């Protein structure tokens, strides 16, 4: 005796599609929020790394560098990457260097990349703008 093949009905398929759409509607905003939070944490960590490089340079040379190439072109380099020439993890970094002070600002490239701007200044003082 053969068993009859049973197929899904249209109602069952529509219920599954609705459940998947509901789960996606819940999950996608949380994933986007997690991405923004991750970018913001990365920007803060990058600013701290830049500050550490600037302070190390100052200890070695007696003054802060006035150009990014002083940090990336040294042997060994104080920074392994030039964070100021392109967007890094959704943030643009802008330096302001003098012989005795520095300020580096991180601004989100767009509103879906981050919601806060950060500044680190001489002595490694990190502030939220």
C-alpha atoms as a PDB file:
ATOM      1  CA  UNK A   1       0.000   0.000   0.000  1.00  0.00           C
ATOM      2  CA  UNK A   2       1.336   3.417  -0.955  1.00  0.00           C
ATOM      3  CA  UNK A   3       1.250   6.388   1.338  1.00  0.00           C
ATOM      4  CA  UNK A   4      -0.256   9.518  -0.127  1.00  0.00           C
ATOM      5  CA  UNK A   5       2.249  12.348  -0.591  1.00  0.00           C
ATOM      6  CA  UNK A   6       1.395  15.369   1.448  1.00  0.00           C
ATOM      7  CA  UNK A   7       2.370  18.825   0.232  1.00  0.00           C
ATOM      8  CA  UNK A   8       2.357  22.113   2.088  1.00  0.00           C
ATOM      9  CA  UNK A   9      -0.784  24.153   1.677  1.00  0.00           C
ATOM     10  CA  UNK A  10      -0.715  27.786   0.671  1.00  0.00           C
ATOM     11  CA  UNK A  11      -1.776  28.818   4.176  1.00  0.00           C
ATOM     12  CA  UNK A  12       1.128  26.921   5.776  1.00  0.00           C
ATOM     13  CA  UNK A  13       3.624  28.524   3.417  1.00  0.00           C
ATOM     14  CA  UNK A  14       2.189  32.000   4.096  1.00  0.00           C
ATOM     15  CA  UNK A  15       2.445  31.427   7.869  1.00  0.00           C
ATOM     16  CA  UNK A  16       6.123  30.424   7.536  1.00  0.00           C
ATOM     17  CA  UNK A  17       6.862  33.495   5.391  1.00  0.00           C
ATOM     18  CA  UNK A  18       5.134  35.753   7.941  1.00  0.00           C
ATOM     19  CA  UNK A  19       7.148  34.251  10.800  1.00  0.00           C
ATOM     20  CA  UNK A  20      10.409  34.747   8.892  1.00  0.00           C
ATOM     21  CA  UNK A  21       9.460  38.361   8.086  1.00  0.00           C
ATOM     22  CA  UNK A  22       8.634  39.014  11.735  1.00  0.00           C
ATOM     23  CA  UNK A  23      11.970  37.590  12.906  1.00  0.00           C
ATOM     24  CA  UNK A  24      13.836  39.630  10.278  1.00  0.00           C
ATOM     25  CA  UNK A  25      11.988  42.769  11.391  1.00  0.00           C
ATOM     26  CA  UNK A  26      13.213  42.193  14.923  1.00  0.00           C
ATOM     27  CA  UNK A  27      16.767  41.114  14.085  1.00  0.00           C
ATOM     28  CA  UNK A  28      17.833  43.662  11.439  1.00  0.00           C
ATOM     29  CA  UNK A  29      17.545  46.824  13.607  1.00  0.00           C
ATOM     30  CA  UNK A  30      19.489  45.067  16.381  1.00  0.00           C
ATOM     31  CA  UNK A  31      22.237  44.107  13.940  1.00  0.00           C
ATOM     32  CA  UNK A  32      22.474  47.669  12.633  1.00  0.00           C
ATOM     33  CA  UNK A  33      22.632  49.025  16.195  1.00  0.00           C
ATOM     34  CA  UNK A  34      25.402  46.534  16.999  1.00  0.00           C
ATOM     35  CA  UNK A  35      27.352  47.701  13.929  1.00  0.00           C
ATOM     36  CA  UNK A  36      27.122  51.351  15.032  1.00  0.00           C
ATOM     37  CA  UNK A  37      28.231  50.447  18.559  1.00  0.00           C
ATOM     38  CA  UNK A  38      31.128  48.445  17.152  1.00  0.00           C
ATOM     39  CA  UNK A  39      32.228  51.349  14.934  1.00  0.00           C
ATOM     40  CA  UNK A  40      32.099  53.743  17.888  1.00  0.00           C
ATOM     41  CA  UNK A  41      34.190  51.423  20.059  1.00  0.00           C
ATOM     42  CA  UNK A  42      36.675  50.994  17.225  1.00  0.00           C
ATOM     43  CA  UNK A  43      36.951  54.778  16.799  1.00  0.00           C
ATOM     44  CA  UNK A  44      37.716  55.219  20.505  1.00  0.00           C
ATOM     45  CA  UNK A  45      40.325  52.451  20.421  1.00  0.00           C
ATOM     46  CA  UNK A  46      41.920  53.959  17.310  1.00  0.00           C
ATOM     47  CA  UNK A  47      42.102  57.378  18.960  1.00  0.00           C
ATOM     48  CA  UNK A  48      43.797  55.837  21.992  1.00  0.00           C
ATOM     49  CA  UNK A  49      46.313  54.061  19.725  1.00  0.00           C
ATOM     50  CA  UNK A  50      47.043  57.332  17.911  1.00  0.00           C
ATOM     51  CA  UNK A  51      47.468  59.115  21.258  1.00  0.00           C
ATOM     52  CA  UNK A  52      49.861  56.424  22.487  1.00  0.00           C
ATOM     53  CA  UNK A  53      51.921  56.806  19.305  1.00  0.00           C
ATOM     54  CA  UNK A  54      52.012  60.591  19.699  1.00  0.00           C
ATOM     55  CA  UNK A  55      53.025  60.380  23.364  1.00  0.00           C
ATOM     56  CA  UNK A  56      55.743  57.815  22.548  1.00  0.00           C
ATOM     57  CA  UNK A  57      57.064  60.077  19.800  1.00  0.00           C
ATOM     58  CA  UNK A  58      57.096  63.001  22.225  1.00  0.00           C
ATOM     59  CA  UNK A  59      59.010  61.050  24.859  1.00  0.00           C
ATOM     60  CA  UNK A  60      61.605  59.981  22.286  1.00  0.00           C
ATOM     61  CA  UNK A  61      61.990  63.319  20.465  1.00  0.00           C
ATOM     62  CA  UNK A  62      61.041  65.942  23.052  1.00  0.00           C
ATOM     63  CA  UNK A  63      58.250  67.408  20.898  1.00  0.00           C
ATOM     64  CA  UNK A  64      55.106  66.121  19.221  1.00  0.00           C
ATOM     65  CA  UNK A  65      55.280  65.413  15.486  1.00  0.00           C
ATOM     66  CA  UNK A  66      53.910  68.025  13.119  1.00  0.00           C
ATOM     67  CA  UNK A  67      53.196  65.561  10.306  1.00  0.00           C
ATOM     68  CA  UNK A  68      51.666  62.106  10.092  1.00  0.00           C
ATOM     69  CA  UNK A  69      54.673  60.852   8.129  1.00  0.00           C
ATOM     70  CA  UNK A  70      56.786  61.287  11.266  1.00  0.00           C
ATOM     71  CA  UNK A  71      54.643  58.593  12.905  1.00  0.00           C
ATOM     72  CA  UNK A  72      54.320  56.183   9.974  1.00  0.00           C
ATOM     73  CA  UNK A  73      57.734  56.672   8.392  1.00  0.00           C
ATOM     74  CA  UNK A  74      59.916  56.111  11.456  1.00  0.00           C
ATOM     75  CA  UNK A  75      61.863  52.890  11.901  1.00  0.00           C
ATOM     76  CA  UNK A  76      60.148  51.197  13.655  1.00  0.00           C
ATOM     77  CA  UNK A  77      56.944  53.152  12.978  1.00  0.00           C
ATOM     78  CA  UNK A  78      54.949  54.640  15.832  1.00  0.00           C
ATOM     79  CA  UNK A  79      51.791  53.920  13.787  1.00  0.00           C
ATOM     80  CA  UNK A  80      51.586  50.991  11.379  1.00  0.00           C
ATOM     81  CA  UNK A  81      48.773  52.614   9.382  1.00  0.00           C
ATOM     82  CA  UNK A  82      47.884  56.122   8.238  1.00  0.00           C
ATOM     83  CA  UNK A  83      44.438  56.534   9.814  1.00  0.00           C
ATOM     84  CA  UNK A  84      44.058  60.049   8.425  1.00  0.00           C
ATOM     85  CA  UNK A  85      43.978  59.378   4.692  1.00  0.00           C
ATOM     86  CA  UNK A  86      40.796  57.281   4.475  1.00  0.00           C
ATOM     87  CA  UNK A  87      37.691  56.213   6.354  1.00  0.00           C
ATOM     88  CA  UNK A  88      38.436  53.593   9.018  1.00  0.00           C
ATOM     89  CA  UNK A  89      35.508  51.520  10.343  1.00  0.00           C
ATOM     90  CA  UNK A  90      33.025  54.231   9.389  1.00  0.00           C
ATOM     91  CA  UNK A  91      34.969  57.137  10.909  1.00  0.00           C
ATOM     92  CA  UNK A  92      37.144  59.905   9.464  1.00  0.00           C
ATOM     93  CA  UNK A  93      40.100  60.987  11.619  1.00  0.00           C
ATOM     94  CA  UNK A  94      41.382  64.566  11.451  1.00  0.00           C
ATOM     95  CA  UNK A  95      44.650  65.551  13.185  1.00  0.00           C
ATOM     96  CA  UNK A  96      45.833  68.907  14.429  1.00  0.00           C
ATOM     97  CA  UNK A  97      49.515  68.820  15.416  1.00  0.00           C
ATOM     98  CA  UNK A  98      51.864  71.414  16.894  1.00  0.00           C
ATOM     99  CA  UNK A  99      55.247  70.929  18.565  1.00  0.00           C
ATOM    100  CA  UNK A 100      53.724  70.930  22.050  1.00  0.00           C
ATOM    101  CA  UNK A 101      50.104  69.814  21.633  1.00  0.00           C
ATOM    102  CA  UNK A 102      47.825  67.687  19.499  1.00  0.00           C
ATOM    103  CA  UNK A 103      44.149  67.097  18.889  1.00  0.00           C
ATOM    104  CA  UNK A 104      42.678  64.254  16.837  1.00  0.00           C
ATOM    105  CA  UNK A 105      38.969  64.171  16.021  1.00  0.00           C
ATOM    106  CA  UNK A 106      36.959  61.150  14.866  1.00  0.00           C
ATOM    107  CA  UNK A 107      33.724  61.966  13.022  1.00  0.00           C
ATOM    108  CA  UNK A 108      31.323  59.360  11.581  1.00  0.00           C
ATOM    109  CA  UNK A 109      31.407  59.172   7.789  1.00  0.00           C
ATOM    110  CA  UNK A 110      27.590  58.914   7.759  1.00  0.00           C
ATOM    111  CA  UNK A 111      24.755  58.649  10.274  1.00  0.00           C
ATOM    112  CA  UNK A 112      24.422  54.889   9.810  1.00  0.00           C
ATOM    113  CA  UNK A 113      28.136  54.400  10.635  1.00  0.00           C
ATOM    114  CA  UNK A 114      28.101  56.102  14.021  1.00  0.00           C
ATOM    115  CA  UNK A 115      26.178  58.605  16.102  1.00  0.00           C
ATOM    116  CA  UNK A 116      28.948  60.196  18.203  1.00  0.00           C
ATOM    117  CA  UNK A 117      32.085  62.176  17.459  1.00  0.00           C
ATOM    118  CA  UNK A 118      35.181  61.822  19.626  1.00  0.00           C
ATOM    119  CA  UNK A 119      38.240  63.958  20.282  1.00  0.00           C
ATOM    120  CA  UNK A 120      41.500  63.016  21.949  1.00  0.00           C
ATOM    121  CA  UNK A 121      43.941  65.728  22.956  1.00  0.00           C
ATOM    122  CA  UNK A 122      47.355  66.166  24.536  1.00  0.00           C
ATOM    123  CA  UNK A 123      47.889  63.736  27.379  1.00  0.00           C
ATOM    124  CA  UNK A 124      45.401  61.183  26.016  1.00  0.00           C
ATOM    125  CA  UNK A 125      42.227  62.960  27.147  1.00  0.00           C
ATOM    126  CA  UNK A 126      39.288  61.402  25.270  1.00  0.00           C
ATOM    127  CA  UNK A 127      36.064  63.404  25.043  1.00  0.00           C
ATOM    128  CA  UNK A 128      32.720  62.825  23.359  1.00  0.00           C
ATOM    129  CA  UNK A 129      31.374  65.615  21.201  1.00  0.00           C
END
